[in-house]
Amino acid sequence: MRYLILSGAVLLILLIRPPFTMAQESVMPGGEAGIVQDPRIEQLVNKHIQASQAIKTMDGFRIQLFSDSGNNSKTRAQVVYDEFMARFPETGVYLTFKSPNYKVRVGDFRTKLDAQRFLNELSGDYPNAFIITDQINLPKVD
């Protein structure tokens, strides 16, 4: 009796399996394979592409040259900003205010090693400068 039930189960599995296997095969005329997908998948992919293109920053490093609060801190920050721009016009300079401090940060370095190399160049003129993690601008693609 046990053999009969086991044989019936195996026979049932073998009879059910071929339709599932054959349903996966969809060959179009000319030997091309076709993909059947929900049209909403294409919409999701397009939304992901648009969202990725909207992102203009990434995690990276900058060098902080100046941070101060109080009277005339904005003026002093602007002086540091202008001096740096005159010496290194090709390097990004960012003057920010986050209460109560004005800060001057420079560079858009993807690695800490790149930031350290540039900091070594600046150490004579800006002895108190240091590397910080920040959101940096994406590199320009030519």
C-alpha atoms as a PDB file:
ATOM      1  CA  MET A   1       0.000   0.000   0.000  1.00  0.00           C
ATOM      2  CA  ARG A   2       2.836   2.362   0.919  1.00  0.00           C
ATOM      3  CA  TYR A   3       4.486   1.621  -2.450  1.00  0.00           C
ATOM      4  CA  LEU A   4       1.266   2.485  -4.269  1.00  0.00           C
ATOM      5  CA  ILE A   5       0.909   5.883  -2.514  1.00  0.00           C
ATOM      6  CA  LEU A   6       4.569   6.713  -3.159  1.00  0.00           C
ATOM      7  CA  SER A   7       4.226   5.741  -6.839  1.00  0.00           C
ATOM      8  CA  GLY A   8       1.121   7.869  -7.170  1.00  0.00           C
ATOM      9  CA  ALA A   9       2.900  10.904  -5.648  1.00  0.00           C
ATOM     10  CA  VAL A  10       5.858  10.520  -7.990  1.00  0.00           C
ATOM     11  CA  LEU A  11       3.533  10.128 -10.978  1.00  0.00           C
ATOM     12  CA  LEU A  12       1.606  13.238  -9.946  1.00  0.00           C
ATOM     13  CA  ILE A  13       4.811  15.286  -9.647  1.00  0.00           C
ATOM     14  CA  LEU A  14       5.995  14.133 -13.073  1.00  0.00           C
ATOM     15  CA  LEU A  15       2.670  15.035 -14.651  1.00  0.00           C
ATOM     16  CA  ILE A  16       2.566  18.507 -13.076  1.00  0.00           C
ATOM     17  CA  ARG A  17       6.200  19.466 -13.737  1.00  0.00           C
ATOM     18  CA  PRO A  18       6.295  19.576 -17.590  1.00  0.00           C
ATOM     19  CA  PRO A  19       3.724  22.394 -17.989  1.00  0.00           C
ATOM     20  CA  PHE A  20       5.755  24.657 -15.681  1.00  0.00           C
ATOM     21  CA  THR A  21       8.936  23.860 -17.554  1.00  0.00           C
ATOM     22  CA  MET A  22       7.341  24.503 -20.915  1.00  0.00           C
ATOM     23  CA  ALA A  23       5.789  27.790 -19.726  1.00  0.00           C
ATOM     24  CA  GLN A  24       9.257  29.262 -19.241  1.00  0.00           C
ATOM     25  CA  GLU A  25      10.226  28.682 -22.829  1.00  0.00           C
ATOM     26  CA  SER A  26       9.049  31.528 -25.037  1.00  0.00           C
ATOM     27  CA  VAL A  27      10.843  31.578 -28.360  1.00  0.00           C
ATOM     28  CA  MET A  28       9.723  34.167 -30.857  1.00  0.00           C
ATOM     29  CA  PRO A  29       9.758  33.586 -34.612  1.00  0.00           C
ATOM     30  CA  GLY A  30      13.232  33.917 -36.004  1.00  0.00           C
ATOM     31  CA  GLY A  31      14.865  32.352 -32.940  1.00  0.00           C
ATOM     32  CA  GLU A  32      14.732  35.471 -30.763  1.00  0.00           C
ATOM     33  CA  ALA A  33      13.987  35.217 -27.062  1.00  0.00           C
ATOM     34  CA  GLY A  34      11.333  37.510 -25.652  1.00  0.00           C
ATOM     35  CA  ILE A  35      11.105  39.080 -22.200  1.00  0.00           C
ATOM     36  CA  VAL A  36       7.737  39.516 -20.633  1.00  0.00           C
ATOM     37  CA  GLN A  37       7.736  42.035 -17.804  1.00  0.00           C
ATOM     38  CA  ASP A  38       5.388  44.333 -15.989  1.00  0.00           C
ATOM     39  CA  PRO A  39       5.506  47.808 -17.632  1.00  0.00           C
ATOM     40  CA  ARG A  40       5.893  49.371 -14.177  1.00  0.00           C
ATOM     41  CA  ILE A  41       9.425  47.921 -13.996  1.00  0.00           C
ATOM     42  CA  GLU A  42      10.497  50.230 -16.821  1.00  0.00           C
ATOM     43  CA  GLN A  43       8.957  53.181 -14.950  1.00  0.00           C
ATOM     44  CA  LEU A  44      10.885  52.263 -11.797  1.00  0.00           C
ATOM     45  CA  VAL A  45      14.153  52.007 -13.729  1.00  0.00           C
ATOM     46  CA  ASN A  46      13.553  55.441 -15.285  1.00  0.00           C
ATOM     47  CA  LYS A  47      12.758  56.962 -11.868  1.00  0.00           C
ATOM     48  CA  HIS A  48      15.982  55.482 -10.484  1.00  0.00           C
ATOM     49  CA  ILE A  49      17.989  56.965 -13.357  1.00  0.00           C
ATOM     50  CA  GLN A  50      16.438  60.403 -12.819  1.00  0.00           C
ATOM     51  CA  ALA A  51      17.076  60.272  -9.069  1.00  0.00           C
ATOM     52  CA  SER A  52      20.699  59.268  -9.638  1.00  0.00           C
ATOM     53  CA  GLN A  53      21.234  62.131 -12.068  1.00  0.00           C
ATOM     54  CA  ALA A  54      19.785  64.596  -9.563  1.00  0.00           C
ATOM     55  CA  ILE A  55      22.463  63.724  -6.999  1.00  0.00           C
ATOM     56  CA  LYS A  56      25.292  66.228  -7.300  1.00  0.00           C
ATOM     57  CA  THR A  57      27.337  65.319  -4.208  1.00  0.00           C
ATOM     58  CA  MET A  58      29.039  62.341  -2.628  1.00  0.00           C
ATOM     59  CA  ASP A  59      30.955  61.511   0.534  1.00  0.00           C
ATOM     60  CA  GLY A  60      34.514  62.802   0.423  1.00  0.00           C
ATOM     61  CA  PHE A  61      37.029  65.096   2.056  1.00  0.00           C
ATOM     62  CA  ARG A  62      37.791  68.796   2.244  1.00  0.00           C
ATOM     63  CA  ILE A  63      40.391  70.865   4.021  1.00  0.00           C
ATOM     64  CA  GLN A  64      39.129  73.367   6.548  1.00  0.00           C
ATOM     65  CA  LEU A  65      41.244  76.515   6.526  1.00  0.00           C
ATOM     66  CA  PHE A  66      39.189  78.762   8.762  1.00  0.00           C
ATOM     67  CA  SER A  67      36.443  78.638  11.357  1.00  0.00           C
ATOM     68  CA  ASP A  68      35.435  81.540  13.582  1.00  0.00           C
ATOM     69  CA  SER A  69      32.476  83.151  15.267  1.00  0.00           C
ATOM     70  CA  GLY A  70      31.880  86.541  16.783  1.00  0.00           C
ATOM     71  CA  ASN A  71      32.446  90.072  15.594  1.00  0.00           C
ATOM     72  CA  ASN A  72      33.889  90.421  12.096  1.00  0.00           C
ATOM     73  CA  SER A  73      34.094  86.643  11.601  1.00  0.00           C
ATOM     74  CA  LYS A  74      32.347  86.940   8.233  1.00  0.00           C
ATOM     75  CA  THR A  75      34.844  89.567   7.085  1.00  0.00           C
ATOM     76  CA  ARG A  76      37.821  87.448   8.206  1.00  0.00           C
ATOM     77  CA  ALA A  77      36.360  84.394   6.481  1.00  0.00           C
ATOM     78  CA  GLN A  78      35.912  86.388   3.275  1.00  0.00           C
ATOM     79  CA  VAL A  79      39.566  87.505   3.422  1.00  0.00           C
ATOM     80  CA  VAL A  80      40.746  83.876   3.738  1.00  0.00           C
ATOM     81  CA  TYR A  81      38.394  82.904   0.904  1.00  0.00           C
ATOM     82  CA  ASP A  82      39.687  85.650  -1.413  1.00  0.00           C
ATOM     83  CA  GLU A  83      43.358  84.959  -0.627  1.00  0.00           C
ATOM     84  CA  PHE A  84      42.954  81.268  -1.335  1.00  0.00           C
ATOM     85  CA  MET A  85      41.053  81.915  -4.584  1.00  0.00           C
ATOM     86  CA  ALA A  86      43.854  84.186  -5.772  1.00  0.00           C
ATOM     87  CA  ARG A  87      46.509  81.518  -5.133  1.00  0.00           C
ATOM     88  CA  PHE A  88      44.588  78.396  -6.214  1.00  0.00           C
ATOM     89  CA  PRO A  89      41.879  79.434  -8.698  1.00  0.00           C
ATOM     90  CA  GLU A  90      41.438  75.853  -9.977  1.00  0.00           C
ATOM     91  CA  THR A  91      40.539  74.491  -6.524  1.00  0.00           C
ATOM     92  CA  GLY A  92      37.000  74.752  -5.201  1.00  0.00           C
ATOM     93  CA  VAL A  93      36.595  77.088  -2.198  1.00  0.00           C
ATOM     94  CA  TYR A  94      33.490  77.059  -0.021  1.00  0.00           C
ATOM     95  CA  LEU A  95      32.491  79.708   2.520  1.00  0.00           C
ATOM     96  CA  THR A  96      29.676  78.475   4.740  1.00  0.00           C
ATOM     97  CA  PHE A  97      27.821  79.720   7.771  1.00  0.00           C
ATOM     98  CA  LYS A  98      26.526  77.263  10.327  1.00  0.00           C
ATOM     99  CA  SER A  99      25.475  79.177  13.379  1.00  0.00           C
ATOM    100  CA  PRO A 100      27.525  80.589  15.017  1.00  0.00           C
ATOM    101  CA  ASN A 101      30.582  79.839  12.823  1.00  0.00           C
ATOM    102  CA  TYR A 102      31.790  80.965   9.420  1.00  0.00           C
ATOM    103  CA  LYS A 103      33.947  78.301   7.786  1.00  0.00           C
ATOM    104  CA  VAL A 104      36.212  78.237   4.768  1.00  0.00           C
ATOM    105  CA  ARG A 105      36.773  74.800   3.280  1.00  0.00           C
ATOM    106  CA  VAL A 106      38.633  73.875   0.117  1.00  0.00           C
ATOM    107  CA  GLY A 107      38.783  71.007  -2.326  1.00  0.00           C
ATOM    108  CA  ASP A 108      36.635  68.120  -3.461  1.00  0.00           C
ATOM    109  CA  PHE A 109      38.801  65.122  -2.625  1.00  0.00           C
ATOM    110  CA  ARG A 110      37.482  61.607  -3.128  1.00  0.00           C
ATOM    111  CA  THR A 111      40.178  60.025  -0.969  1.00  0.00           C
ATOM    112  CA  LYS A 112      41.830  61.095   2.238  1.00  0.00           C
ATOM    113  CA  LEU A 113      45.220  60.523   0.606  1.00  0.00           C
ATOM    114  CA  ASP A 114      44.468  63.153  -2.053  1.00  0.00           C
ATOM    115  CA  ALA A 115      43.372  65.588   0.656  1.00  0.00           C
ATOM    116  CA  GLN A 116      46.549  64.882   2.648  1.00  0.00           C
ATOM    117  CA  ARG A 117      48.762  65.608  -0.372  1.00  0.00           C
ATOM    118  CA  PHE A 118      47.094  68.973  -0.872  1.00  0.00           C
ATOM    119  CA  LEU A 119      47.210  69.728   2.855  1.00  0.00           C
ATOM    120  CA  ASN A 120      50.983  69.160   2.740  1.00  0.00           C
ATOM    121  CA  GLU A 121      51.217  71.887   0.076  1.00  0.00           C
ATOM    122  CA  LEU A 122      49.181  74.278   2.231  1.00  0.00           C
ATOM    123  CA  SER A 123      50.823  73.607   5.595  1.00  0.00           C
ATOM    124  CA  GLY A 124      53.254  76.540   5.315  1.00  0.00           C
ATOM    125  CA  ASP A 125      50.543  79.118   4.631  1.00  0.00           C
ATOM    126  CA  TYR A 126      47.750  77.540   6.685  1.00  0.00           C
ATOM    127  CA  PRO A 127      49.368  75.783   9.671  1.00  0.00           C
ATOM    128  CA  ASN A 128      46.027  75.204  11.437  1.00  0.00           C
ATOM    129  CA  ALA A 129      44.307  73.618   8.422  1.00  0.00           C
ATOM    130  CA  PHE A 130      42.983  70.084   8.779  1.00  0.00           C
ATOM    131  CA  ILE A 131      41.074  67.443   6.816  1.00  0.00           C
ATOM    132  CA  ILE A 132      37.363  66.912   7.407  1.00  0.00           C
ATOM    133  CA  THR A 133      34.774  64.589   5.888  1.00  0.00           C
ATOM    134  CA  ASP A 134      32.118  66.420   3.907  1.00  0.00           C
ATOM    135  CA  GLN A 135      29.720  66.145   1.003  1.00  0.00           C
ATOM    136  CA  ILE A 136      31.811  67.026  -2.042  1.00  0.00           C
ATOM    137  CA  ASN A 137      30.818  67.935  -5.582  1.00  0.00           C
ATOM    138  CA  LEU A 138      30.967  65.113  -8.083  1.00  0.00           C
ATOM    139  CA  PRO A 139      33.994  65.165 -10.368  1.00  0.00           C
ATOM    140  CA  LYS A 140      33.385  66.724 -13.766  1.00  0.00           C
ATOM    141  CA  VAL A 141      33.237  64.204 -16.614  1.00  0.00           C
ATOM    142  CA  ASP A 142      34.873  65.384 -19.821  1.00  0.00           C
END
